[in-house]
Amino acid sequence: MGTASGSLTRRIWIRRHVFWELTKRDVAGRYSGSFLGLLWSFFNPLLMLAVYTLSFRVFLGMRWPNATSGADFSLMIFCGMIVHSMMAECLTRGPGVIVSQSNLVKRVVFPLSILPCVMVASTLFNALLTLLVLLIFVLVTQHGIHPTVLYLPLLYAPYVLLLCGVGWLMASLGVFVRDVSQVAGVLTSLLMFLSPVFYPASNLHEPYRGWIALNPLTLMIEQTRQLVLFGRPPDWHALAVYSLVAMAVMLFGYIWFQRTRDGFADVL
């Protein structure tokens, strides 16, 4: 594991300039030609938040413990949406990362393993913009921001490692099994409702609470709420365990990608 991790770190560091340029191109290409451009990164989550709040709070009458207003309910959902959207984008975009760049596959000198990382970096950039919107809403509705938001980089660091592993795995599978992109769309929807996006995990009864704790989104969503909305520090023990699992997933995804990349040219 240590050898694979060191190799991965060296590859990314040596090609950091390529990584940076590809990331900038990916971010810019998302909204190329659109009138509002980067503003869509703000409007899309706000629109979805309005729809979900209207559906679940107004139409279905759902309530949240400790949420005394509609604004509190919306902020709870917003925290869940940020975490879910990052995983959803990696799952849906991942299978097409290599397929869409088939012209680069036969270039021996090009570092294909960087492409899924570029996707994750672009996803993280959009998540940061959405997180900025969340903090603005918190500032307006709660008249201040808890200093515990400074822990957010530590919270999301292992999540980004996990997403890299998922990105490498999905990118490889997408080359050999084209149905993966269809399955990813279904899995994304399932994850939304099987994660505590619209409800707190504490409301579930056993054994459901134990099962949902195994969901890789659960800890990130719950801890984001604790840091941003309640001003509580992270659960360091849970975060340490999560970090170990995230590193294992990342290394597995990377090794899988490296072992299968020689077959990309034959398929594409």
Protein backbone atom coordinates (compact mmCIF):
# COMPACT_ATOMS: atom_id res chain seq x y z
CA MET A 1 0.00 0.00 0.00
CA GLY A 2 2.83 2.39 0.86
CA THR A 3 4.56 1.81 -2.50
CA ALA A 4 1.36 2.44 -4.46
CA SER A 5 0.64 5.58 -2.44
CA GLY A 6 4.15 6.93 -3.01
CA SER A 7 3.96 6.21 -6.72
CA LEU A 8 0.63 7.97 -6.98
CA THR A 9 1.89 11.04 -5.13
CA ARG A 10 4.97 11.29 -7.34
CA ARG A 11 2.93 10.98 -10.54
CA ILE A 12 0.59 13.78 -9.54
CA TRP A 13 3.39 16.05 -8.34
CA ILE A 14 5.50 15.59 -11.48
CA ARG A 15 2.51 16.35 -13.70
CA ARG A 16 0.98 19.05 -11.51
CA HIS A 17 1.09 21.63 -14.31
CA VAL A 18 -0.81 19.33 -16.66
CA PHE A 19 -3.28 18.62 -13.89
CA TRP A 20 -3.83 22.32 -13.22
CA GLU A 21 -4.36 23.22 -16.88
CA LEU A 22 -6.77 20.33 -17.46
CA THR A 23 -8.74 21.28 -14.36
CA LYS A 24 -9.07 24.89 -15.49
CA ARG A 25 -10.19 23.71 -18.92
CA ASP A 26 -12.73 21.34 -17.41
CA VAL A 27 -14.22 24.02 -15.15
CA ALA A 28 -14.37 26.56 -17.98
CA GLY A 29 -15.82 24.01 -20.40
CA ARG A 30 -18.81 23.27 -18.19
CA TYR A 31 -20.49 26.56 -18.97
CA SER A 32 -18.79 27.47 -22.22
CA GLY A 33 -21.20 29.41 -24.42
CA SER A 34 -23.88 29.83 -21.75
CA PHE A 35 -25.12 33.33 -20.95
CA LEU A 36 -24.79 33.11 -17.15
CA GLY A 37 -21.60 31.03 -17.20
CA LEU A 38 -20.20 30.29 -13.74
CA LEU A 39 -23.32 31.70 -12.08
CA TRP A 40 -25.06 28.42 -12.89
CA SER A 41 -22.94 26.87 -10.13
CA PHE A 42 -24.91 29.06 -7.72
CA PHE A 43 -28.34 28.92 -9.35
CA ASN A 44 -28.55 25.14 -9.86
CA PRO A 45 -28.24 24.15 -6.18
CA LEU A 46 -30.53 27.02 -5.14
CA LEU A 47 -33.21 25.88 -7.58
CA MET A 48 -32.99 22.27 -6.42
CA LEU A 49 -33.04 23.41 -2.79
CA ALA A 50 -36.23 25.39 -3.41
CA VAL A 51 -37.89 22.40 -5.09
CA TYR A 52 -36.94 19.96 -2.32
CA THR A 53 -37.97 22.34 0.45
CA LEU A 54 -41.33 22.96 -1.22
CA SER A 55 -41.90 19.24 -1.79
CA PHE A 56 -40.82 17.83 1.56
CA ARG A 57 -41.69 20.62 4.01
CA VAL A 58 -44.68 22.35 2.42
CA PHE A 59 -46.39 19.55 0.50
CA LEU A 60 -45.47 16.55 2.69
CA GLY A 61 -45.27 18.46 5.96
CA MET A 62 -41.94 16.97 7.02
CA ARG A 63 -40.24 18.43 10.09
CA TRP A 64 -36.67 18.33 11.35
CA PRO A 65 -35.65 18.01 15.02
CA ASN A 66 -34.25 21.32 16.30
CA ALA A 67 -35.38 23.09 13.10
CA THR A 68 -37.72 25.86 14.18
CA SER A 69 -38.24 27.47 10.79
CA GLY A 70 -38.38 26.74 7.09
CA ALA A 71 -34.95 28.30 6.72
CA ASP A 72 -33.44 25.83 9.21
CA PHE A 73 -35.04 22.94 7.32
CA SER A 74 -33.61 24.21 4.03
CA LEU A 75 -30.12 24.54 5.50
CA MET A 76 -30.24 20.95 6.75
CA ILE A 77 -31.09 19.74 3.25
CA PHE A 78 -28.50 22.03 1.68
CA CYS A 79 -25.71 20.39 3.71
CA GLY A 80 -26.79 16.98 2.46
CA MET A 81 -27.08 18.15 -1.12
CA ILE A 82 -23.50 19.42 -1.21
CA VAL A 83 -22.06 16.07 -0.11
CA HIS A 84 -24.37 14.03 -2.34
CA SER A 85 -23.76 16.16 -5.43
CA MET A 86 -20.02 15.52 -5.24
CA MET A 87 -20.48 11.75 -5.22
CA ALA A 88 -23.26 11.94 -7.82
CA GLU A 89 -21.07 13.83 -10.25
CA CYS A 90 -18.18 11.39 -9.89
CA LEU A 91 -20.51 8.44 -10.44
CA THR A 92 -22.23 9.90 -13.49
CA ARG A 93 -19.20 11.52 -15.15
CA GLY A 94 -16.69 8.84 -14.20
CA PRO A 95 -17.64 6.20 -16.81
CA GLY A 96 -17.11 8.68 -19.64
CA VAL A 97 -13.83 10.23 -18.51
CA ILE A 98 -11.60 7.93 -20.60
CA VAL A 99 -14.16 7.18 -23.31
CA SER A 100 -14.58 10.88 -24.09
CA GLN A 101 -10.79 11.29 -24.38
CA SER A 102 -10.12 8.24 -26.56
CA ASN A 103 -7.66 10.26 -28.66
CA LEU A 104 -5.33 10.40 -25.64
CA VAL A 105 -5.42 6.68 -24.86
CA LYS A 106 -2.86 5.69 -27.48
CA ARG A 107 -0.44 8.43 -26.46
CA VAL A 108 1.97 6.52 -24.27
CA VAL A 109 3.42 9.67 -22.71
CA PHE A 110 0.06 11.05 -21.57
CA PRO A 111 -0.79 10.31 -17.90
CA LEU A 112 -4.31 8.89 -18.20
CA SER A 113 -4.58 8.43 -14.45
CA ILE A 114 -4.76 12.22 -14.09
CA LEU A 115 -8.10 12.48 -15.92
CA PRO A 116 -10.27 11.09 -13.09
CA CYS A 117 -8.41 13.38 -10.66
CA VAL A 118 -9.22 16.34 -12.88
CA MET A 119 -12.88 15.37 -12.72
CA VAL A 120 -12.74 15.24 -8.90
CA ALA A 121 -10.97 18.62 -8.74
CA SER A 122 -13.62 20.18 -10.97
CA THR A 123 -16.33 18.63 -8.79
CA LEU A 124 -14.63 20.01 -5.67
CA PHE A 125 -14.50 23.49 -7.21
CA ASN A 126 -18.26 23.49 -7.80
CA ALA A 127 -18.86 22.12 -4.29
CA LEU A 128 -16.81 24.98 -2.82
CA LEU A 129 -18.98 27.50 -4.67
CA THR A 130 -22.11 25.81 -3.34
CA LEU A 131 -20.60 25.73 0.15
CA LEU A 132 -20.01 29.47 -0.13
CA VAL A 133 -23.73 29.93 -0.85
CA LEU A 134 -24.53 27.80 2.20
CA LEU A 135 -22.31 29.91 4.46
CA ILE A 136 -23.94 33.10 3.17
CA PHE A 137 -27.37 31.67 4.01
CA VAL A 138 -26.13 30.67 7.47
CA LEU A 139 -24.74 34.15 8.03
CA VAL A 140 -28.04 35.76 7.05
CA THR A 141 -30.39 33.40 8.92
CA GLN A 142 -28.30 32.73 12.04
CA HIS A 143 -26.60 36.15 12.15
CA GLY A 144 -23.14 34.63 12.31
CA ILE A 145 -20.92 31.73 11.28
CA HIS A 146 -19.54 29.20 13.73
CA PRO A 147 -15.72 29.05 13.90
CA THR A 148 -15.99 25.27 13.52
CA VAL A 149 -16.38 25.79 9.76
CA LEU A 150 -12.58 26.02 9.76
CA TYR A 151 -12.58 22.24 10.27
CA LEU A 152 -14.28 21.70 6.90
CA PRO A 153 -11.01 21.15 4.96
CA LEU A 154 -10.06 18.40 7.42
CA LEU A 155 -13.52 16.88 7.07
CA TYR A 156 -13.56 16.83 3.29
CA ALA A 157 -9.94 15.75 2.73
CA PRO A 158 -10.67 12.01 3.17
CA TYR A 159 -13.90 12.40 1.17
CA VAL A 160 -11.89 13.75 -1.78
CA LEU A 161 -9.55 10.73 -1.53
CA LEU A 162 -12.58 8.45 -1.59
CA LEU A 163 -13.95 10.25 -4.65
CA CYS A 164 -10.62 9.81 -6.45
CA GLY A 165 -10.82 6.07 -5.85
CA VAL A 166 -14.40 5.99 -7.12
CA GLY A 167 -13.37 8.09 -10.13
CA TRP A 168 -10.56 5.72 -11.14
CA LEU A 169 -12.78 2.68 -10.71
CA MET A 170 -15.71 4.14 -12.67
CA ALA A 171 -13.42 5.45 -15.42
CA SER A 172 -11.94 2.00 -15.95
CA LEU A 173 -15.25 0.15 -15.80
CA GLY A 174 -16.79 2.67 -18.19
CA VAL A 175 -14.33 1.65 -20.90
CA PHE A 176 -15.09 -2.05 -20.76
CA VAL A 177 -18.74 -2.07 -19.67
CA ARG A 178 -20.73 0.75 -21.26
CA ASP A 179 -23.80 -0.13 -19.18
CA VAL A 180 -21.99 1.27 -16.13
CA SER A 181 -23.12 4.79 -17.05
CA GLN A 182 -26.76 3.68 -16.89
CA VAL A 183 -26.25 1.92 -13.57
CA ALA A 184 -24.50 5.01 -12.20
CA GLY A 185 -27.57 7.14 -12.86
CA VAL A 186 -29.78 4.75 -10.90
CA LEU A 187 -27.21 4.45 -8.11
CA THR A 188 -27.06 8.23 -7.81
CA SER A 189 -30.81 8.44 -7.21
CA LEU A 190 -30.70 5.58 -4.72
CA LEU A 191 -27.88 7.25 -2.79
CA MET A 192 -29.91 10.42 -2.43
CA PHE A 193 -32.74 8.67 -0.61
CA LEU A 194 -30.57 6.13 1.21
CA SER A 195 -28.42 8.93 2.65
CA PRO A 196 -29.54 11.34 5.38
CA VAL A 197 -30.09 14.19 2.95
CA PHE A 198 -33.77 14.79 3.75
CA TYR A 199 -33.79 13.32 7.25
CA PRO A 200 -31.38 12.93 10.20
CA ALA A 201 -29.82 9.50 10.61
CA SER A 202 -30.71 9.62 14.30
CA ASN A 203 -34.41 9.39 13.41
CA LEU A 204 -34.01 5.91 11.98
CA HIS A 205 -34.70 2.80 14.03
CA GLU A 206 -32.29 -0.06 14.47
CA PRO A 207 -31.09 -1.92 12.44
CA TYR A 208 -31.59 0.72 9.72
CA ARG A 209 -29.41 3.22 11.57
CA GLY A 210 -26.54 0.73 11.57
CA TRP A 211 -26.90 0.05 7.87
CA ILE A 212 -27.06 3.70 6.88
CA ALA A 213 -23.91 4.34 8.92
CA LEU A 214 -22.07 2.20 6.35
CA ASN A 215 -23.08 4.63 3.62
CA PRO A 216 -19.97 6.67 2.70
CA LEU A 217 -22.08 9.84 2.54
CA THR A 218 -23.62 9.56 6.00
CA LEU A 219 -20.69 10.71 8.11
CA MET A 220 -19.85 13.55 5.72
CA ILE A 221 -23.42 14.85 5.70
CA GLU A 222 -23.94 14.58 9.45
CA GLN A 223 -20.57 16.14 10.26
CA THR A 224 -21.12 18.99 7.81
CA ARG A 225 -24.30 19.88 9.68
CA GLN A 226 -22.50 19.68 13.01
CA LEU A 227 -19.70 21.99 11.89
CA VAL A 228 -21.71 24.53 9.89
CA LEU A 229 -25.09 24.68 11.62
CA PHE A 230 -24.48 23.66 15.24
CA GLY A 231 -20.89 24.75 15.84
CA ARG A 232 -19.75 21.38 17.15
CA PRO A 233 -16.26 19.97 16.46
CA PRO A 234 -15.81 16.86 14.30
CA ASP A 235 -16.07 13.34 15.63
CA TRP A 236 -12.33 12.71 15.42
CA HIS A 237 -12.53 8.97 16.02
CA ALA A 238 -15.13 8.44 13.30
CA LEU A 239 -13.19 10.72 10.96
CA ALA A 240 -9.97 8.75 11.55
CA VAL A 241 -11.70 5.47 10.68
CA TYR A 242 -13.29 7.10 7.64
CA SER A 243 -9.87 8.37 6.51
CA LEU A 244 -8.40 4.86 6.61
CA VAL A 245 -11.29 3.48 4.60
CA ALA A 246 -11.04 6.37 2.12
CA MET A 247 -7.33 5.73 1.59
CA ALA A 248 -8.01 2.04 1.01
CA VAL A 249 -10.70 2.87 -1.58
CA MET A 250 -8.41 5.39 -3.27
CA LEU A 251 -5.53 2.93 -3.54
CA PHE A 252 -7.80 0.14 -4.74
CA GLY A 253 -9.24 2.40 -7.43
CA TYR A 254 -5.80 3.55 -8.52
CA ILE A 255 -4.32 0.06 -8.65
CA TRP A 256 -7.36 -1.21 -10.54
CA PHE A 257 -7.01 1.64 -13.05
CA GLN A 258 -3.29 1.01 -13.57
CA ARG A 259 -3.83 -2.74 -14.01
CA THR A 260 -6.56 -2.26 -16.64
CA ARG A 261 -5.29 0.75 -18.57
CA ASP A 262 -3.26 -1.38 -21.01
CA GLY A 263 -6.54 -2.75 -22.34
CA PHE A 264 -8.12 0.64 -23.02
CA ALA A 265 -6.62 0.96 -26.50
CA ASP A 266 -7.94 -2.46 -27.53
CA VAL A 267 -11.51 -1.50 -26.64
CA LEU A 268 -11.49 2.11 -27.83
